[in-house]
PDB file of N, CA and C in Angstrom:
ATOM      1  N   MET A   1      40.276  12.411   8.448  1.00  0.00           N
ATOM      2  CA  MET A   1      39.991  13.964   9.011  1.00  0.00           C
ATOM      3  C   MET A   1      40.365  14.236  10.281  1.00  0.00           C
ATOM      4  N   VAL A   2      40.231  13.533  11.187  1.00  0.00           N
ATOM      5  CA  VAL A   2      40.734  13.729  12.614  1.00  0.00           C
ATOM      6  C   VAL A   2      42.232  13.719  12.628  1.00  0.00           C
ATOM      7  N   ALA A   3      42.904  12.875  11.949  1.00  0.00           N
ATOM      8  CA  ALA A   3      44.282  12.881  11.924  1.00  0.00           C
ATOM      9  C   ALA A   3      44.845  13.929  11.155  1.00  0.00           C
ATOM     10  N   LEU A   4      43.979  14.482  10.278  1.00  0.00           N
ATOM     11  CA  LEU A   4      44.703  15.794   9.713  1.00  0.00           C
ATOM     12  C   LEU A   4      44.720  16.845  10.373  1.00  0.00           C
ATOM     13  N   ARG A   5      43.615  16.960  11.002  1.00  0.00           N
ATOM     14  CA  ARG A   5      43.215  18.235  11.927  1.00  0.00           C
ATOM     15  C   ARG A   5      44.418  18.009  13.294  1.00  0.00           C
ATOM     16  N   ASN A   6      44.584  16.744  13.780  1.00  0.00           N
ATOM     17  CA  ASN A   6      45.623  16.799  14.729  1.00  0.00           C
ATOM     18  C   ASN A   6      46.847  16.944  14.185  1.00  0.00           C
ATOM     19  N   GLU A   7      47.204  16.892  13.145  1.00  0.00           N
ATOM     20  CA  GLU A   7      48.630  17.283  12.514  1.00  0.00           C
ATOM     21  C   GLU A   7      48.704  18.559  12.309  1.00  0.00           C
ATOM     22  N   VAL A   8      47.607  19.329  11.960  1.00  0.00           N
ATOM     23  CA  VAL A   8      47.364  20.866  11.696  1.00  0.00           C
ATOM     24  C   VAL A   8      47.745  21.486  13.146  1.00  0.00           C
ATOM     25  N   ASP A   9      46.985  21.035  13.929  1.00  0.00           N
ATOM     26  CA  ASP A   9      47.197  21.489  15.425  1.00  0.00           C
ATOM     27  C   ASP A   9      48.924  21.201  15.950  1.00  0.00           C
ATOM     28  N   ARG A  10      49.412  20.126  15.755  1.00  0.00           N
ATOM     29  CA  ARG A  10      50.833  19.951  16.041  1.00  0.00           C
ATOM     30  C   ARG A  10      51.749  20.991  15.385  1.00  0.00           C
ATOM     31  N   LEU A  11      51.286  21.043  13.994  1.00  0.00           N
ATOM     32  CA  LEU A  11      52.381  22.281  13.292  1.00  0.00           C
ATOM     33  C   LEU A  11      52.049  23.621  13.761  1.00  0.00           C
ATOM     34  N   GLU A  12      50.821  23.941  14.098  1.00  0.00           N
ATOM     35  CA  GLU A  12      50.359  25.269  14.797  1.00  0.00           C
ATOM     36  C   GLU A  12      51.244  25.291  16.030  1.00  0.00           C
ATOM     37  N   GLN A  13      51.326  24.775  16.732  1.00  0.00           N
ATOM     38  CA  GLN A  13      52.083  24.696  18.112  1.00  0.00           C
ATOM     39  C   GLN A  13      53.408  24.673  17.779  1.00  0.00           C
ATOM     40  N   GLN A  14      54.180  24.355  16.753  1.00  0.00           N
ATOM     41  CA  GLN A  14      55.431  24.357  16.565  1.00  0.00           C
ATOM     42  C   GLN A  14      55.896  25.859  16.051  1.00  0.00           C
ATOM     43  N   VAL A  15      54.683  26.211  15.184  1.00  0.00           N
ATOM     44  CA  VAL A  15      55.058  27.619  14.738  1.00  0.00           C
ATOM     45  C   VAL A  15      54.828  28.556  15.860  1.00  0.00           C
ATOM     46  N   GLU A  16      54.044  28.362  16.546  1.00  0.00           N
ATOM     47  CA  GLU A  16      53.820  29.237  17.679  1.00  0.00           C
ATOM     48  C   GLU A  16      55.240  29.333  18.828  1.00  0.00           C
ATOM     49  N   GLN A  17      55.927  28.044  18.976  1.00  0.00           N
ATOM     50  CA  GLN A  17      56.947  28.047  19.723  1.00  0.00           C
ATOM     51  C   GLN A  17      58.126  28.901  18.888  1.00  0.00           C
ATOM     52  N   ILE A  18      58.344  28.790  17.609  1.00  0.00           N
ATOM     53  CA  ILE A  18      59.198  29.341  17.069  1.00  0.00           C
ATOM     54  C   ILE A  18      58.746  30.936  17.013  1.00  0.00           C
ATOM     55  N   ARG A  19      57.827  31.490  17.000  1.00  0.00           N
ATOM     56  CA  ARG A  19      57.120  32.759  17.297  1.00  0.00           C
ATOM     57  C   ARG A  19      57.723  33.139  18.387  1.00  0.00           C
ATOM     58  N   GLN A  20      57.473  32.603  19.443  1.00  0.00           N
ATOM     59  CA  GLN A  20      57.585  33.136  20.760  1.00  0.00           C
ATOM     60  C   GLN A  20      59.220  33.018  20.923  1.00  0.00           C
ATOM     61  N   THR A  21      60.049  32.321  20.211  1.00  0.00           N
ATOM     62  CA  THR A  21      61.411  32.102  20.505  1.00  0.00           C
ATOM     63  C   THR A  21      62.076  33.572  19.497  1.00  0.00           C
ATOM     64  N   ILE A  22      61.649  33.531  18.623  1.00  0.00           N
ATOM     65  CA  ILE A  22      62.197  34.600  17.647  1.00  0.00           C
ATOM     66  C   ILE A  22      61.515  36.006  17.880  1.00  0.00           C
ATOM     67  N   GLY A  23      60.333  36.171  18.557  1.00  0.00           N
ATOM     68  CA  GLY A  23      59.804  37.532  18.610  1.00  0.00           C
ATOM     69  C   GLY A  23      58.792  37.482  17.506  1.00  0.00           C
ATOM     70  N   ASP A  24      57.615  38.472  17.747  1.00  0.00           N
ATOM     71  CA  ASP A  24      56.669  38.675  16.773  1.00  0.00           C
ATOM     72  C   ASP A  24      57.122  39.666  15.657  1.00  0.00           C
ATOM     73  N   GLU A  25      58.070  40.735  15.952  1.00  0.00           N
ATOM     74  CA  GLU A  25      58.605  41.608  14.744  1.00  0.00           C
ATOM     75  C   GLU A  25      59.424  40.508  13.653  1.00  0.00           C
ATOM     76  N   VAL A  26      60.266  39.951  14.149  1.00  0.00           N
ATOM     77  CA  VAL A  26      61.022  39.074  13.369  1.00  0.00           C
ATOM     78  C   VAL A  26      60.136  38.014  12.606  1.00  0.00           C
ATOM     79  N   PHE A  27      59.339  37.502  13.376  1.00  0.00           N
ATOM     80  CA  PHE A  27      58.175  36.523  12.806  1.00  0.00           C
ATOM     81  C   PHE A  27      57.355  37.054  11.577  1.00  0.00           C
ATOM     82  N   ARG A  28      57.020  38.275  11.519  1.00  0.00           N
ATOM     83  CA  ARG A  28      56.245  38.967  10.671  1.00  0.00           C
ATOM     84  C   ARG A  28      57.113  39.322   9.384  1.00  0.00           C
ATOM     85  N   ARG A  29      58.183  39.744   9.625  1.00  0.00           N
ATOM     86  CA  ARG A  29      59.412  39.752   8.740  1.00  0.00           C
ATOM     87  C   ARG A  29      59.775  38.456   7.807  1.00  0.00           C
ATOM     88  N   LEU A  30      59.815  37.462   8.826  1.00  0.00           N
ATOM     89  CA  LEU A  30      59.896  36.341   8.266  1.00  0.00           C
ATOM     90  C   LEU A  30      59.003  35.904   7.289  1.00  0.00           C
ATOM     91  N   LYS A  31      57.742  36.080   7.649  1.00  0.00           N
ATOM     92  CA  LYS A  31      56.817  35.605   6.589  1.00  0.00           C
ATOM     93  C   LYS A  31      56.881  36.575   5.309  1.00  0.00           C
ATOM     94  N   ALA A  32      57.189  37.756   5.189  1.00  0.00           N
ATOM     95  CA  ALA A  32      57.210  38.511   4.328  1.00  0.00           C
ATOM     96  C   ALA A  32      58.383  38.401   3.432  1.00  0.00           C
ATOM     97  N   ILE A  33      59.641  37.615   3.701  1.00  0.00           N
ATOM     98  CA  ILE A  33      60.820  37.683   2.866  1.00  0.00           C
ATOM     99  C   ILE A  33      60.493  36.290   2.071  1.00  0.00           C
ATOM    100  N   ASP A  34      61.368  36.439   0.941  1.00  0.00           N
ATOM    101  CA  ASP A  34      61.155  35.229  -0.106  1.00  0.00           C
ATOM    102  C   ASP A  34      61.896  34.111   0.558  1.00  0.00           C
ATOM    103  N   ARG A  35      61.122  32.840   0.679  1.00  0.00           N
ATOM    104  CA  ARG A  35      61.695  32.074   1.530  1.00  0.00           C
ATOM    105  C   ARG A  35      62.673  31.237   0.966  1.00  0.00           C
ATOM    106  N   GLN A  36      62.434  31.094  -0.597  1.00  0.00           N
ATOM    107  CA  GLN A  36      63.331  30.382  -1.567  1.00  0.00           C
ATOM    108  C   GLN A  36      64.836  31.012  -1.520  1.00  0.00           C
ATOM    109  N   GLU A  37      64.823  32.317  -1.557  1.00  0.00           N
ATOM    110  CA  GLU A  37      66.123  32.994  -1.440  1.00  0.00           C
ATOM    111  C   GLU A  37      66.740  32.619  -0.111  1.00  0.00           C
ATOM    112  N   LEU A  38      66.002  32.678   0.888  1.00  0.00           N
ATOM    113  CA  LEU A  38      66.350  32.423   2.444  1.00  0.00           C
ATOM    114  C   LEU A  38      66.916  31.095   2.546  1.00  0.00           C
ATOM    115  N   THR A  39      66.371  30.300   1.809  1.00  0.00           N
ATOM    116  CA  THR A  39      66.493  28.866   1.724  1.00  0.00           C
ATOM    117  C   THR A  39      67.900  28.377   0.880  1.00  0.00           C
ATOM    118  N   ARG A  40      68.162  29.141  -0.136  1.00  0.00           N
ATOM    119  CA  ARG A  40      69.275  29.219  -0.844  1.00  0.00           C
ATOM    120  C   ARG A  40      70.564  29.783  -0.154  1.00  0.00           C
ATOM    121  N   ALA A  41      70.321  30.671   0.437  1.00  0.00           N
ATOM    122  CA  ALA A  41      71.296  31.603   0.939  1.00  0.00           C
ATOM    123  C   ALA A  41      71.900  30.766   2.197  1.00  0.00           C
ATOM    124  N   ALA A  42      70.928  29.957   2.851  1.00  0.00           N
ATOM    125  CA  ALA A  42      71.457  29.176   4.148  1.00  0.00           C
ATOM    126  C   ALA A  42      72.155  27.853   3.517  1.00  0.00           C
ATOM    127  N   GLY A  43      71.602  27.421   2.624  1.00  0.00           N
ATOM    128  CA  GLY A  43      72.156  26.286   1.887  1.00  0.00           C
ATOM    129  C   GLY A  43      73.535  26.450   1.217  1.00  0.00           C
ATOM    130  N   LEU A  44      73.772  27.709   0.801  1.00  0.00           N
ATOM    131  CA  LEU A  44      74.840  27.946   0.233  1.00  0.00           C
ATOM    132  C   LEU A  44      76.084  28.160   1.103  1.00  0.00           C
ATOM    133  N   PHE A  45      75.585  28.617   2.439  1.00  0.00           N
ATOM    134  CA  PHE A  45      76.354  29.253   3.570  1.00  0.00           C
ATOM    135  C   PHE A  45      76.725  27.909   4.409  1.00  0.00           C
ATOM    136  N   ARG A  46      76.053  26.933   4.443  1.00  0.00           N
ATOM    137  CA  ARG A  46      76.165  25.713   5.007  1.00  0.00           C
ATOM    138  C   ARG A  46      77.082  24.684   4.298  1.00  0.00           C
ATOM    139  N   ALA A  47      76.905  24.912   3.094  1.00  0.00           N
ATOM    140  CA  ALA A  47      77.979  24.227   2.037  1.00  0.00           C
ATOM    141  C   ALA A  47      79.285  24.655   1.845  1.00  0.00           C
ATOM    142  N   ALA A  48      79.288  26.236   2.237  1.00  0.00           N
ATOM    143  CA  ALA A  48      80.678  26.840   2.101  1.00  0.00           C
ATOM    144  C   ALA A  48      81.394  26.484   3.433  1.00  0.00           C
ATOM    145  N   VAL A  49      80.612  26.355   4.490  1.00  0.00           N
ATOM    146  CA  VAL A  49      81.225  25.975   6.000  1.00  0.00           C
ATOM    147  C   VAL A  49      81.742  24.761   5.753  1.00  0.00           C
ATOM    148  N   ASP A  50      81.263  23.660   5.146  1.00  0.00           N
ATOM    149  CA  ASP A  50      81.494  22.246   5.079  1.00  0.00           C
ATOM    150  C   ASP A  50      82.683  22.087   4.269  1.00  0.00           C
ATOM    151  N   GLN A  51      82.759  23.036   3.080  1.00  0.00           N
ATOM    152  CA  GLN A  51      83.964  23.058   2.047  1.00  0.00           C
ATOM    153  C   GLN A  51      85.026  23.661   2.806  1.00  0.00           C
ATOM    154  N   ALA A  52      84.962  24.667   3.727  1.00  0.00           N
ATOM    155  CA  ALA A  52      86.033  25.322   4.317  1.00  0.00           C
ATOM    156  C   ALA A  52      86.427  24.486   5.527  1.00  0.00           C
ATOM    157  N   THR A  53      85.996  23.382   6.010  1.00  0.00           N
ATOM    158  CA  THR A  53      86.188  22.633   7.197  1.00  0.00           C
ATOM    159  C   THR A  53      87.126  21.394   6.725  1.00  0.00           C
ATOM    160  N   LYS A  54      88.528  21.644   7.079  1.00  0.00           N
ATOM    161  CA  LYS A  54      89.384  20.872   6.565  1.00  0.00           C
ATOM    162  C   LYS A  54      89.264  19.385   7.105  1.00  0.00           C
ATOM    163  N   ALA A  55      88.826  19.183   8.376  1.00  0.00           N
ATOM    164  CA  ALA A  55      88.306  17.880   8.730  1.00  0.00           C
ATOM    165  C   ALA A  55      87.369  17.039   8.267  1.00  0.00           C
ATOM    166  N   LYS A  56      86.407  17.964   7.197  1.00  0.00           N
ATOM    167  CA  LYS A  56      85.425  17.308   6.644  1.00  0.00           C
ATOM    168  C   LYS A  56      85.872  16.837   5.226  1.00  0.00           C
ATOM    169  N   GLN A  57      87.039  17.248   4.769  1.00  0.00           N
ATOM    170  CA  GLN A  57      87.630  16.800   3.315  1.00  0.00           C
ATOM    171  C   GLN A  57      88.147  15.474   3.075  1.00  0.00           C
ATOM    172  N   PRO A  58      87.894  14.997   2.086  1.00  0.00           N
ATOM    173  CA  PRO A  58      88.531  13.825   1.771  1.00  0.00           C
ATOM    174  C   PRO A  58      90.101  13.952   1.972  1.00  0.00           C
ATOM    175  N   PHE A  59      90.770  12.725   2.025  1.00  0.00           N
ATOM    176  CA  PHE A  59      92.217  12.635   2.261  1.00  0.00           C
ATOM    177  C   PHE A  59      92.976  13.584   1.285  1.00  0.00           C
ATOM    178  N   MET A  60      92.433  13.229   0.023  1.00  0.00           N
ATOM    179  CA  MET A  60      93.409  14.168  -1.011  1.00  0.00           C
ATOM    180  C   MET A  60      93.278  15.452  -1.207  1.00  0.00           C
ATOM    181  N   THR A  61      92.363  15.733  -0.518  1.00  0.00           N
ATOM    182  CA  THR A  61      91.721  17.493  -0.439  1.00  0.00           C
ATOM    183  C   THR A  61      92.847  18.053   0.748  1.00  0.00           C
ATOM    184  N   ARG A  62      92.771  17.150   1.811  1.00  0.00           N
ATOM    185  CA  ARG A  62      93.610  17.557   2.912  1.00  0.00           C
ATOM    186  C   ARG A  62      95.014  17.568   2.737  1.00  0.00           C
ATOM    187  N   LEU A  63      95.351  16.679   1.730  1.00  0.00           N
ATOM    188  CA  LEU A  63      96.784  16.926   1.715  1.00  0.00           C
ATOM    189  C   LEU A  63      97.130  18.268   0.567  1.00  0.00           C
ATOM    190  N   VAL A  64      96.258  18.608  -0.300  1.00  0.00           N
ATOM    191  CA  VAL A  64      96.461  20.003  -0.911  1.00  0.00           C
ATOM    192  C   VAL A  64      95.868  21.132  -0.026  1.00  0.00           C
ATOM    193  N   TRP A  65      95.642  21.096   1.253  1.00  0.00           N
ATOM    194  CA  TRP A  65      94.832  22.020   1.614  1.00  0.00           C
ATOM    195  C   TRP A  65      95.503  23.228   1.460  1.00  0.00           C
ATOM    196  N   PRO A  66      96.701  23.413   1.925  1.00  0.00           N
ATOM    197  CA  PRO A  66      97.324  24.815   1.630  1.00  0.00           C
ATOM    198  C   PRO A  66      97.112  25.459   0.309  1.00  0.00           C
ATOM    199  N   PHE A  67      96.949  24.791  -0.570  1.00  0.00           N
ATOM    200  CA  PHE A  67      96.730  25.248  -1.895  1.00  0.00           C
ATOM    201  C   PHE A  67      95.064  25.588  -2.101  1.00  0.00           C
ATOM    202  N   VAL A  68      94.211  25.142  -1.645  1.00  0.00           N
ATOM    203  CA  VAL A  68      92.938  25.240  -1.786  1.00  0.00           C
ATOM    204  C   VAL A  68      92.075  26.119  -0.615  1.00  0.00           C
ATOM    205  N   CYS A  69      92.616  26.319   0.524  1.00  0.00           N
ATOM    206  CA  CYS A  69      91.873  26.840   1.297  1.00  0.00           C
ATOM    207  C   CYS A  69      91.438  28.321   1.182  1.00  0.00           C
ATOM    208  N   LYS A  70      92.176  28.973   0.827  1.00  0.00           N
ATOM    209  CA  LYS A  70      92.255  30.409   0.548  1.00  0.00           C
ATOM    210  C   LYS A  70      90.877  30.704  -0.291  1.00  0.00           C
ATOM    211  N   ALA A  71      90.803  30.000  -1.478  1.00  0.00           N
ATOM    212  CA  ALA A  71      89.570  30.043  -2.209  1.00  0.00           C
ATOM    213  C   ALA A  71      88.313  29.249  -1.615  1.00  0.00           C
ATOM    214  N   ARG A  72      88.620  28.593  -0.928  1.00  0.00           N
ATOM    215  CA  ARG A  72      87.388  27.910   0.050  1.00  0.00           C
ATOM    216  C   ARG A  72      87.041  29.041   1.042  1.00  0.00           C
ATOM    217  N   PHE A  73      87.866  29.931   1.682  1.00  0.00           N
ATOM    218  CA  PHE A  73      87.627  30.664   2.897  1.00  0.00           C
ATOM    219  C   PHE A  73      86.907  31.819   1.898  1.00  0.00           C
ATOM    220  N   GLY A  74      87.370  32.096   0.922  1.00  0.00           N
ATOM    221  CA  GLY A  74      86.759  33.260   0.007  1.00  0.00           C
ATOM    222  C   GLY A  74      85.256  33.058  -0.502  1.00  0.00           C
ATOM    223  N   ARG A  75      85.017  31.852  -0.645  1.00  0.00           N
ATOM    224  CA  ARG A  75      83.527  31.266  -0.973  1.00  0.00           C
ATOM    225  C   ARG A  75      82.843  31.472   0.520  1.00  0.00           C
ATOM    226  N   LEU A  76      83.463  31.096   1.372  1.00  0.00           N
ATOM    227  CA  LEU A  76      82.891  30.882   2.659  1.00  0.00           C
ATOM    228  C   LEU A  76      82.288  32.521   3.154  1.00  0.00           C
ATOM    229  N   ALA A  77      83.283  33.363   2.845  1.00  0.00           N
ATOM    230  CA  ALA A  77      82.973  34.826   3.074  1.00  0.00           C
ATOM    231  C   ALA A  77      81.967  35.446   2.471  1.00  0.00           C
ATOM    232  N   GLU A  78      81.907  35.291   0.986  1.00  0.00           N
ATOM    233  CA  GLU A  78      80.762  35.511   0.042  1.00  0.00           C
ATOM    234  C   GLU A  78      79.364  35.138   0.424  1.00  0.00           C
ATOM    235  N   ALA A  79      79.493  33.852   0.858  1.00  0.00           N
ATOM    236  CA  ALA A  79      78.124  33.074   1.210  1.00  0.00           C
ATOM    237  C   ALA A  79      77.862  33.613   2.782  1.00  0.00           C
ATOM    238  N   GLY A  80      78.749  34.022   3.531  1.00  0.00           N
ATOM    239  CA  GLY A  80      78.309  34.605   4.890  1.00  0.00           C
ATOM    240  C   GLY A  80      77.855  35.831   4.824  1.00  0.00           C
ATOM    241  N   GLU A  81      78.368  36.790   3.823  1.00  0.00           N
ATOM    242  CA  GLU A  81      77.762  38.152   3.695  1.00  0.00           C
ATOM    243  C   GLU A  81      76.249  37.913   3.168  1.00  0.00           C
ATOM    244  N   SER A  82      76.209  37.115   2.074  1.00  0.00           N
ATOM    245  CA  SER A  82      74.903  36.760   1.487  1.00  0.00           C
ATOM    246  C   SER A  82      73.901  36.658   2.598  1.00  0.00           C
ATOM    247  N   PHE A  83      74.221  35.622   3.417  1.00  0.00           N
ATOM    248  CA  PHE A  83      73.243  35.099   4.340  1.00  0.00           C
ATOM    249  C   PHE A  83      73.299  36.251   5.486  1.00  0.00           C
ATOM    250  N   GLN A  84      74.082  36.863   5.631  1.00  0.00           N
ATOM    251  CA  GLN A  84      74.151  38.160   6.643  1.00  0.00           C
ATOM    252  C   GLN A  84      73.095  38.958   6.198  1.00  0.00           C
ATOM    253  N   LYS A  85      73.219  39.495   5.062  1.00  0.00           N
ATOM    254  CA  LYS A  85      72.337  40.520   4.510  1.00  0.00           C
ATOM    255  C   LYS A  85      70.796  40.229   4.571  1.00  0.00           C
ATOM    256  N   ILE A  86      70.585  38.840   4.321  1.00  0.00           N
ATOM    257  CA  ILE A  86      68.992  38.280   4.613  1.00  0.00           C
ATOM    258  C   ILE A  86      68.837  38.399   5.956  1.00  0.00           C
ATOM    259  N   SER A  87      69.574  37.806   6.636  1.00  0.00           N
ATOM    260  CA  SER A  87      69.231  37.757   8.292  1.00  0.00           C
ATOM    261  C   SER A  87      68.739  39.240   8.505  1.00  0.00           C
ATOM    262  N   GLU A  88      69.504  40.115   8.345  1.00  0.00           N
ATOM    263  CA  GLU A  88      69.350  41.640   8.689  1.00  0.00           C
ATOM    264  C   GLU A  88      67.917  41.899   8.177  1.00  0.00           C
ATOM    265  N   GLN A  89      67.587  41.624   7.191  1.00  0.00           N
ATOM    266  CA  GLN A  89      66.231  41.712   6.507  1.00  0.00           C
ATOM    267  C   GLN A  89      65.101  41.378   7.317  1.00  0.00           C
ATOM    268  N   ILE A  90      65.203  40.223   8.091  1.00  0.00           N
ATOM    269  CA  ILE A  90      64.204  39.842   9.056  1.00  0.00           C
ATOM    270  C   ILE A  90      64.399  40.287  10.338  1.00  0.00           C
ATOM    271  N   GLY A  91      65.626  40.923  10.467  1.00  0.00           N
ATOM    272  CA  GLY A  91      65.880  41.229  11.932  1.00  0.00           C
ATOM    273  C   GLY A  91      66.626  40.342  12.975  1.00  0.00           C
ATOM    274  N   LEU A  92      67.312  39.338  12.404  1.00  0.00           N
ATOM    275  CA  LEU A  92      67.942  38.463  13.053  1.00  0.00           C
ATOM    276  C   LEU A  92      69.390  39.165  13.065  1.00  0.00           C
ATOM    277  N   SER A  93      70.085  39.143  14.362  1.00  0.00           N
ATOM    278  CA  SER A  93      71.406  39.688  14.421  1.00  0.00           C
ATOM    279  C   SER A  93      72.334  38.560  14.412  1.00  0.00           C
ATOM    280  N   ILE A  94      73.345  38.594  13.493  1.00  0.00           N
ATOM    281  CA  ILE A  94      74.397  37.656  13.267  1.00  0.00           C
ATOM    282  C   ILE A  94      75.687  38.382  13.517  1.00  0.00           C
ATOM    283  N   PRO A  95      76.700  37.973  14.083  1.00  0.00           N
ATOM    284  CA  PRO A  95      77.598  38.757  14.303  1.00  0.00           C
ATOM    285  C   PRO A  95      78.665  38.695  13.071  1.00  0.00           C
ATOM    286  N   ALA A  96      79.223  40.018  13.028  1.00  0.00           N
ATOM    287  CA  ALA A  96      79.975  40.042  11.593  1.00  0.00           C
ATOM    288  C   ALA A  96      81.407  39.357  11.997  1.00  0.00           C
ATOM    289  N   VAL A  97      81.579  38.431  11.214  1.00  0.00           N
ATOM    290  CA  VAL A  97      82.847  37.889  11.365  1.00  0.00           C
ATOM    291  C   VAL A  97      83.705  37.884  10.156  1.00  0.00           C
ATOM    292  N   HIS A  98      84.746  38.462  10.050  1.00  0.00           N
ATOM    293  CA  HIS A  98      85.594  38.655   8.927  1.00  0.00           C
ATOM    294  C   HIS A  98      86.841  37.664   9.003  1.00  0.00           C
ATOM    295  N   LEU A  99      86.731  36.844   7.816  1.00  0.00           N
ATOM    296  CA  LEU A  99      87.880  35.740   8.013  1.00  0.00           C
ATOM    297  C   LEU A  99      89.183  36.616   7.368  1.00  0.00           C
ATOM    298  N   ARG A 100      90.169  36.296   8.172  1.00  0.00           N
ATOM    299  CA  ARG A 100      91.421  37.164   8.008  1.00  0.00           C
ATOM    300  C   ARG A 100      92.476  36.026   7.495  1.00  0.00           C
ATOM    301  N   ILE A 101      92.535  35.307   6.491  1.00  0.00           N
ATOM    302  CA  ILE A 101      93.344  34.312   6.013  1.00  0.00           C
ATOM    303  C   ILE A 101      94.527  34.694   6.015  1.00  0.00           C
ATOM    304  N   ALA A 102      95.209  35.973   5.780  1.00  0.00           N
ATOM    305  CA  ALA A 102      96.461  36.448   5.960  1.00  0.00           C
ATOM    306  C   ALA A 102      97.294  36.395   7.220  1.00  0.00           C
ATOM    307  N   ASP A 103      96.025  36.226   8.300  1.00  0.00           N
ATOM    308  CA  ASP A 103      96.686  36.355   9.533  1.00  0.00           C
ATOM    309  C   ASP A 103      96.685  34.779   9.983  1.00  0.00           C
ATOM    310  N   THR A 104      96.671  33.779   9.236  1.00  0.00           N
ATOM    311  CA  THR A 104      96.743  32.531   9.666  1.00  0.00           C
ATOM    312  C   THR A 104      97.677  31.650   8.875  1.00  0.00           C
ATOM    313  N   ALA A 105      98.432  30.828   9.312  1.00  0.00           N
ATOM    314  CA  ALA A 105      99.298  30.113   8.601  1.00  0.00           C
ATOM    315  C   ALA A 105      98.943  29.078   7.664  1.00  0.00           C
ATOM    316  N   ASN A 106      97.864  28.577   8.151  1.00  0.00           N
ATOM    317  CA  ASN A 106      97.300  27.293   7.319  1.00  0.00           C
ATOM    318  C   ASN A 106      95.984  27.306   7.258  1.00  0.00           C
ATOM    319  N   CYS A 107      95.245  28.667   7.405  1.00  0.00           N
ATOM    320  CA  CYS A 107      93.712  28.526   7.376  1.00  0.00           C
ATOM    321  C   CYS A 107      92.912  27.855   8.308  1.00  0.00           C
ATOM    322  N   SER A 108      93.540  27.196   8.926  1.00  0.00           N
ATOM    323  CA  SER A 108      92.777  26.397   9.859  1.00  0.00           C
ATOM    324  C   SER A 108      91.852  27.023  11.015  1.00  0.00           C
ATOM    325  N   ASN A 109      92.528  28.267  11.447  1.00  0.00           N
ATOM    326  CA  ASN A 109      91.923  28.777  12.799  1.00  0.00           C
ATOM    327  C   ASN A 109      90.869  29.793  12.043  1.00  0.00           C
ATOM    328  N   SER A 110      90.915  30.096  10.858  1.00  0.00           N
ATOM    329  CA  SER A 110      89.797  30.994  10.541  1.00  0.00           C
ATOM    330  C   SER A 110      88.450  30.820  10.613  1.00  0.00           C
ATOM    331  N   LEU A 111      88.075  29.545  10.413  1.00  0.00           N
ATOM    332  CA  LEU A 111      86.774  28.989  10.559  1.00  0.00           C
ATOM    333  C   LEU A 111      86.500  28.973  11.901  1.00  0.00           C
ATOM    334  N   ARG A 112      87.162  28.923  12.909  1.00  0.00           N
ATOM    335  CA  ARG A 112      86.558  29.135  14.234  1.00  0.00           C
ATOM    336  C   ARG A 112      85.610  30.099  14.432  1.00  0.00           C
ATOM    337  N   GLY A 113      86.040  31.416  14.001  1.00  0.00           N
ATOM    338  CA  GLY A 113      85.021  32.496  14.268  1.00  0.00           C
ATOM    339  C   GLY A 113      83.725  32.380  13.616  1.00  0.00           C
ATOM    340  N   TRP A 114      83.699  31.739  12.562  1.00  0.00           N
ATOM    341  CA  TRP A 114      82.250  31.453  11.807  1.00  0.00           C
ATOM    342  C   TRP A 114      81.476  30.505  12.533  1.00  0.00           C
ATOM    343  N   SER A 115      81.921  29.377  12.696  1.00  0.00           N
ATOM    344  CA  SER A 115      81.335  28.342  13.393  1.00  0.00           C
ATOM    345  C   SER A 115      81.003  28.793  14.814  1.00  0.00           C
ATOM    346  N   MET A 116      81.725  29.527  15.547  1.00  0.00           N
ATOM    347  CA  MET A 116      81.168  29.851  16.814  1.00  0.00           C
ATOM    348  C   MET A 116      80.003  31.065  16.819  1.00  0.00           C
ATOM    349  N   GLY A 117      80.448  32.069  15.941  1.00  0.00           N
ATOM    350  CA  GLY A 117      79.403  33.247  15.636  1.00  0.00           C
ATOM    351  C   GLY A 117      78.156  32.901  14.957  1.00  0.00           C
ATOM    352  N   ILE A 118      78.034  31.925  14.142  1.00  0.00           N
ATOM    353  CA  ILE A 118      76.791  31.612  13.396  1.00  0.00           C
ATOM    354  C   ILE A 118      76.313  30.269  13.596  1.00  0.00           C
ATOM    355  N   PRO A 119      75.144  29.812  14.027  1.00  0.00           N
ATOM    356  CA  PRO A 119      74.877  28.486  14.165  1.00  0.00           C
ATOM    357  C   PRO A 119      74.769  27.817  12.747  1.00  0.00           C
ATOM    358  N   VAL A 120      75.366  26.735  12.776  1.00  0.00           N
ATOM    359  CA  VAL A 120      75.738  25.978  11.394  1.00  0.00           C
ATOM    360  C   VAL A 120      74.801  24.669  11.511  1.00  0.00           C
TER     361      VAL A 120
END
């Protein structure tokens, strides 16, 4: 019983640190949002970032990268928009970064804005 209470105290301290970091208003909004939807959107965004990172791809995918990168960056843009909408609902400001695939010769530079602007 004492161990369980100590665990609860430890978790409460962690939650308090998060509340202090993000602020009271964001913390209140975070409690009201659908956590499953937030988790799903964050997971889809993270997976899209991984899929759009050429260096993380298997050798064969890197070989055909010029043929697959535009579709992967398209999925990244969709996942980013979805994650950004949910973030706005809880009051977190995430910079709007638009992927400009047409502006890059090989899609490799487009991911830089996403990974620099949004913690992954």
